[in-house]
C-alpha atoms as a PDB file:
ATOM      1  CA  MET A   1     -29.812  -6.916 -10.477  1.00  0.00           C
ATOM      2  CA  ARG A   2     -30.097  -7.327  -6.486  1.00  0.00           C
ATOM      3  CA  ILE A   3     -27.384  -9.669  -5.014  1.00  0.00           C
ATOM      4  CA  GLU A   4     -28.308 -10.521  -1.352  1.00  0.00           C
ATOM      5  CA  GLY A   5     -25.784 -10.591   1.523  1.00  0.00           C
ATOM      6  CA  VAL A   6     -23.478  -8.495   0.185  1.00  0.00           C
ATOM      7  CA  GLY A   7     -23.116  -5.885   2.691  1.00  0.00           C
ATOM      8  CA  ARG A   8     -22.675  -8.467   5.663  1.00  0.00           C
ATOM      9  CA  ALA A   9     -19.958  -9.863   3.638  1.00  0.00           C
ATOM     10  CA  VAL A  10     -18.081  -6.294   2.885  1.00  0.00           C
ATOM     11  CA  ALA A  11     -18.818  -5.778   6.942  1.00  0.00           C
ATOM     12  CA  ARG A  12     -17.153  -9.132   7.577  1.00  0.00           C
ATOM     13  CA  LEU A  13     -14.120  -8.366   5.615  1.00  0.00           C
ATOM     14  CA  GLY A  14     -13.608  -4.923   7.051  1.00  0.00           C
ATOM     15  CA  ARG A  15     -13.233  -6.612  10.358  1.00  0.00           C
ATOM     16  CA  LEU A  16     -10.151  -8.664   9.099  1.00  0.00           C
ATOM     17  CA  LYS A  17      -6.774  -7.968  10.309  1.00  0.00           C
ATOM     18  CA  ALA A  18      -4.388  -5.921   8.422  1.00  0.00           C
ATOM     19  CA  SER A  19      -2.276  -8.898   7.482  1.00  0.00           C
ATOM     20  CA  GLN A  20      -5.469 -10.898   6.394  1.00  0.00           C
ATOM     21  CA  ARG A  21      -6.324  -7.896   4.334  1.00  0.00           C
ATOM     22  CA  ALA A  22      -3.450  -7.867   2.586  1.00  0.00           C
ATOM     23  CA  GLU A  23      -3.875 -10.976   0.915  1.00  0.00           C
ATOM     24  CA  ILE A  24      -7.107 -10.234  -0.850  1.00  0.00           C
ATOM     25  CA  VAL A  25      -5.812  -6.752  -1.573  1.00  0.00           C
ATOM     26  CA  ALA A  26      -2.707  -8.671  -3.400  1.00  0.00           C
ATOM     27  CA  ALA A  27      -5.393 -10.891  -5.359  1.00  0.00           C
ATOM     28  CA  LEU A  28      -7.357  -7.464  -6.487  1.00  0.00           C
ATOM     29  CA  SER A  29      -4.120  -5.715  -7.429  1.00  0.00           C
ATOM     30  CA  LYS A  30      -2.953  -8.903  -9.681  1.00  0.00           C
ATOM     31  CA  SER A  31      -6.288  -8.839 -11.285  1.00  0.00           C
ATOM     32  CA  MET A  32      -6.524  -5.350 -11.842  1.00  0.00           C
ATOM     33  CA  ARG A  33      -3.108  -5.092 -13.292  1.00  0.00           C
ATOM     34  CA  GLU A  34      -4.089  -7.938 -15.539  1.00  0.00           C
ATOM     35  CA  GLY A  35      -7.152  -6.540 -16.779  1.00  0.00           C
ATOM     36  CA  VAL A  36      -5.450  -3.221 -17.382  1.00  0.00           C
ATOM     37  CA  ARG A  37      -2.577  -5.004 -19.574  1.00  0.00           C
ATOM     38  CA  THR A  38      -5.343  -6.897 -21.584  1.00  0.00           C
ATOM     39  CA  ALA A  39      -7.449  -3.915 -22.091  1.00  0.00           C
ATOM     40  CA  GLN A  40      -4.603  -2.034 -23.580  1.00  0.00           C
ATOM     41  CA  THR A  41      -3.827  -4.970 -25.721  1.00  0.00           C
ATOM     42  CA  LEU A  42      -7.328  -4.960 -27.045  1.00  0.00           C
ATOM     43  CA  ALA A  43      -8.016  -1.424 -27.169  1.00  0.00           C
ATOM     44  CA  PRO A  44      -7.553   0.080 -30.872  1.00  0.00           C
ATOM     45  CA  ASP A  45      -4.388   2.053 -31.270  1.00  0.00           C
ATOM     46  CA  ALA A  46      -4.912   4.726 -34.080  1.00  0.00           C
ATOM     47  CA  THR A  47      -3.186   7.265 -32.121  1.00  0.00           C
ATOM     48  CA  GLY A  48      -2.226   5.796 -29.086  1.00  0.00           C
ATOM     49  CA  GLN A  49      -4.622   7.928 -26.796  1.00  0.00           C
ATOM     50  CA  THR A  50      -6.757   4.896 -26.134  1.00  0.00           C
ATOM     51  CA  ARG A  51      -4.642   2.830 -24.655  1.00  0.00           C
ATOM     52  CA  ALA A  52      -2.433   5.399 -22.651  1.00  0.00           C
ATOM     53  CA  ALA A  53      -6.126   6.581 -21.010  1.00  0.00           C
ATOM     54  CA  ILE A  54      -6.543   3.098 -19.568  1.00  0.00           C
ATOM     55  CA  THR A  55      -5.886   2.878 -16.040  1.00  0.00           C
ATOM     56  CA  GLY A  56      -6.705   0.772 -12.828  1.00  0.00           C
ATOM     57  CA  SER A  57      -6.963   1.991  -8.968  1.00  0.00           C
ATOM     58  CA  ILE A  58      -7.673  -0.062  -5.949  1.00  0.00           C
ATOM     59  CA  ASP A  59      -9.737   1.068  -2.860  1.00  0.00           C
ATOM     60  CA  PRO A  60      -8.042  -1.115   0.115  1.00  0.00           C
ATOM     61  CA  LEU A  61     -10.756  -0.146   2.379  1.00  0.00           C
ATOM     62  CA  ASP A  62     -13.548  -1.231   0.288  1.00  0.00           C
ATOM     63  CA  LEU A  63     -11.742  -3.889  -0.748  1.00  0.00           C
ATOM     64  CA  SER A  64     -12.622  -2.922  -4.524  1.00  0.00           C
ATOM     65  CA  ALA A  65     -10.412  -2.455  -8.147  1.00  0.00           C
ATOM     66  CA  GLU A  66     -11.358  -0.358 -10.842  1.00  0.00           C
ATOM     67  CA  ILE A  67     -10.287  -0.214 -14.458  1.00  0.00           C
ATOM     68  CA  THR A  68     -11.431   3.113 -16.632  1.00  0.00           C
ATOM     69  CA  VAL A  69     -10.851   4.010 -19.999  1.00  0.00           C
ATOM     70  CA  ILE A  70     -11.298   7.592 -19.069  1.00  0.00           C
ATOM     71  CA  GLU A  71     -11.433   9.716 -16.141  1.00  0.00           C
ATOM     72  CA  SER A  72     -14.689  11.102 -14.739  1.00  0.00           C
ATOM     73  CA  GLY A  73     -12.724  14.486 -14.575  1.00  0.00           C
ATOM     74  CA  ALA A  74     -12.282  14.523 -18.510  1.00  0.00           C
ATOM     75  CA  SER A  75     -13.844  16.718 -21.062  1.00  0.00           C
ATOM     76  CA  ARG A  76     -17.287  15.811 -22.328  1.00  0.00           C
ATOM     77  CA  ALA A  77     -15.577  15.492 -25.560  1.00  0.00           C
ATOM     78  CA  GLU A  78     -13.017  13.071 -24.520  1.00  0.00           C
ATOM     79  CA  LYS A  79     -15.919  10.845 -22.896  1.00  0.00           C
ATOM     80  CA  ASP A  80     -18.001  11.126 -25.955  1.00  0.00           C
ATOM     81  CA  ARG A  81     -14.757   9.790 -27.988  1.00  0.00           C
ATOM     82  CA  ALA A  82     -14.063   6.763 -25.576  1.00  0.00           C
ATOM     83  CA  TYR A  83     -17.868   5.860 -25.426  1.00  0.00           C
ATOM     84  CA  SER A  84     -18.087   5.642 -29.319  1.00  0.00           C
ATOM     85  CA  ILE A  85     -15.146   3.725 -29.455  1.00  0.00           C
ATOM     86  CA  GLU A  86     -16.683   0.956 -27.069  1.00  0.00           C
ATOM     87  CA  HIS A  87     -20.160   1.081 -28.305  1.00  0.00           C
ATOM     88  CA  GLY A  88     -20.169   2.774 -31.879  1.00  0.00           C
ATOM     89  CA  ARG A  89     -21.832   5.479 -32.878  1.00  0.00           C
ATOM     90  CA  LYS A  90     -25.723   5.008 -34.260  1.00  0.00           C
ATOM     91  CA  SER A  91     -26.426   8.550 -35.550  1.00  0.00           C
ATOM     92  CA  GLY A  92     -25.009  11.714 -36.165  1.00  0.00           C
ATOM     93  CA  VAL A  93     -23.457  14.008 -38.808  1.00  0.00           C
ATOM     94  CA  ARG A  94     -20.488  11.715 -39.152  1.00  0.00           C
ATOM     95  CA  GLY A  95     -22.299   8.560 -39.978  1.00  0.00           C
ATOM     96  CA  THR A  96     -22.477   4.834 -37.783  1.00  0.00           C
ATOM     97  CA  THR A  97     -19.769   2.954 -36.737  1.00  0.00           C
ATOM     98  CA  GLU A  98     -19.820  -0.352 -35.453  1.00  0.00           C
ATOM     99  CA  GLY A  99     -18.344  -0.441 -31.565  1.00  0.00           C
ATOM    100  CA  TYR A 100     -14.844  -2.268 -30.736  1.00  0.00           C
ATOM    101  CA  HIS A 101     -15.826  -3.832 -27.421  1.00  0.00           C
ATOM    102  CA  PHE A 102     -13.136  -4.115 -25.577  1.00  0.00           C
ATOM    103  CA  MET A 103     -13.615  -3.757 -22.218  1.00  0.00           C
ATOM    104  CA  HIS A 104     -16.435  -6.133 -22.654  1.00  0.00           C
ATOM    105  CA  THR A 105     -14.205  -8.834 -24.292  1.00  0.00           C
ATOM    106  CA  THR A 106     -11.653  -8.027 -21.248  1.00  0.00           C
ATOM    107  CA  ARG A 107     -14.435  -8.330 -18.712  1.00  0.00           C
ATOM    108  CA  SER A 108     -15.617 -11.739 -20.197  1.00  0.00           C
ATOM    109  CA  TYR A 109     -12.029 -13.187 -20.775  1.00  0.00           C
ATOM    110  CA  LEU A 110     -10.929 -12.525 -17.405  1.00  0.00           C
ATOM    111  CA  ALA A 111     -14.034 -12.801 -15.350  1.00  0.00           C
ATOM    112  CA  LYS A 112     -13.711 -16.483 -14.431  1.00  0.00           C
ATOM    113  CA  ARG A 113     -10.102 -16.250 -13.556  1.00  0.00           C
ATOM    114  CA  TRP A 114     -10.620 -13.149 -11.237  1.00  0.00           C
ATOM    115  CA  ARG A 115     -13.341 -14.700  -9.728  1.00  0.00           C
ATOM    116  CA  GLY A 116     -11.558 -17.559  -8.964  1.00  0.00           C
ATOM    117  CA  ARG A 117      -8.177 -15.478  -7.714  1.00  0.00           C
ATOM    118  CA  ILE A 118     -10.371 -13.787  -5.184  1.00  0.00           C
ATOM    119  CA  THR A 119     -12.205 -16.654  -4.076  1.00  0.00           C
ATOM    120  CA  ARG A 120      -8.916 -18.529  -3.221  1.00  0.00           C
ATOM    121  CA  ALA A 121      -7.779 -15.441  -1.415  1.00  0.00           C
ATOM    122  CA  ILE A 122     -10.802 -15.273   0.941  1.00  0.00           C
ATOM    123  CA  ARG A 123     -10.716 -18.893   1.518  1.00  0.00           C
ATOM    124  CA  LYS A 124      -6.945 -18.605   2.436  1.00  0.00           C
ATOM    125  CA  VAL A 125      -8.037 -15.910   4.834  1.00  0.00           C
ATOM    126  CA  ALA A 126     -11.198 -17.930   6.449  1.00  0.00           C
ATOM    127  CA  ARG A 127      -8.640 -21.021   6.833  1.00  0.00           C
ATOM    128  CA  GLN A 128      -6.684 -18.718   8.499  1.00  0.00           C
ATOM    129  CA  VAL A 129      -9.724 -16.992  10.771  1.00  0.00           C
ATOM    130  CA  ALA A 130     -10.672 -20.281  11.826  1.00  0.00           C
ATOM    131  CA  ALA A 131      -7.151 -21.396  12.796  1.00  0.00           C
ATOM    132  CA  GLY A 132      -6.994 -18.555  15.315  1.00  0.00           C
ATOM    133  CA  GLY A 133      -4.611 -16.668  13.115  1.00  0.00           C
END
């Protein structure tokens, strides 16, 4: 899927003052923390390993946030375990399982709230810029 105009929007947001960027970063941070808490609540907890691995990070330069279930530097076995929990196992020597779609559920549950929160922060900054602040 291609989204038009994202490059221009990111470039314009990059030219904001630090205080104005802080408004957007605060909205991203709140959304990220909320997403991590929700994903940890919805994650299956047989050993506690899956819940403990869910983390979030914010990149204030790109104005982006990310919630990860497993770090990219983890071993192949750990990545396979995390993938099979989320999406299930369709074949293999250990049989098949249904996926436990806790990340998808988190995203669908919170997407509207996140979008509204970040949109309000951007509108607030736009009003400040228009007012000469």
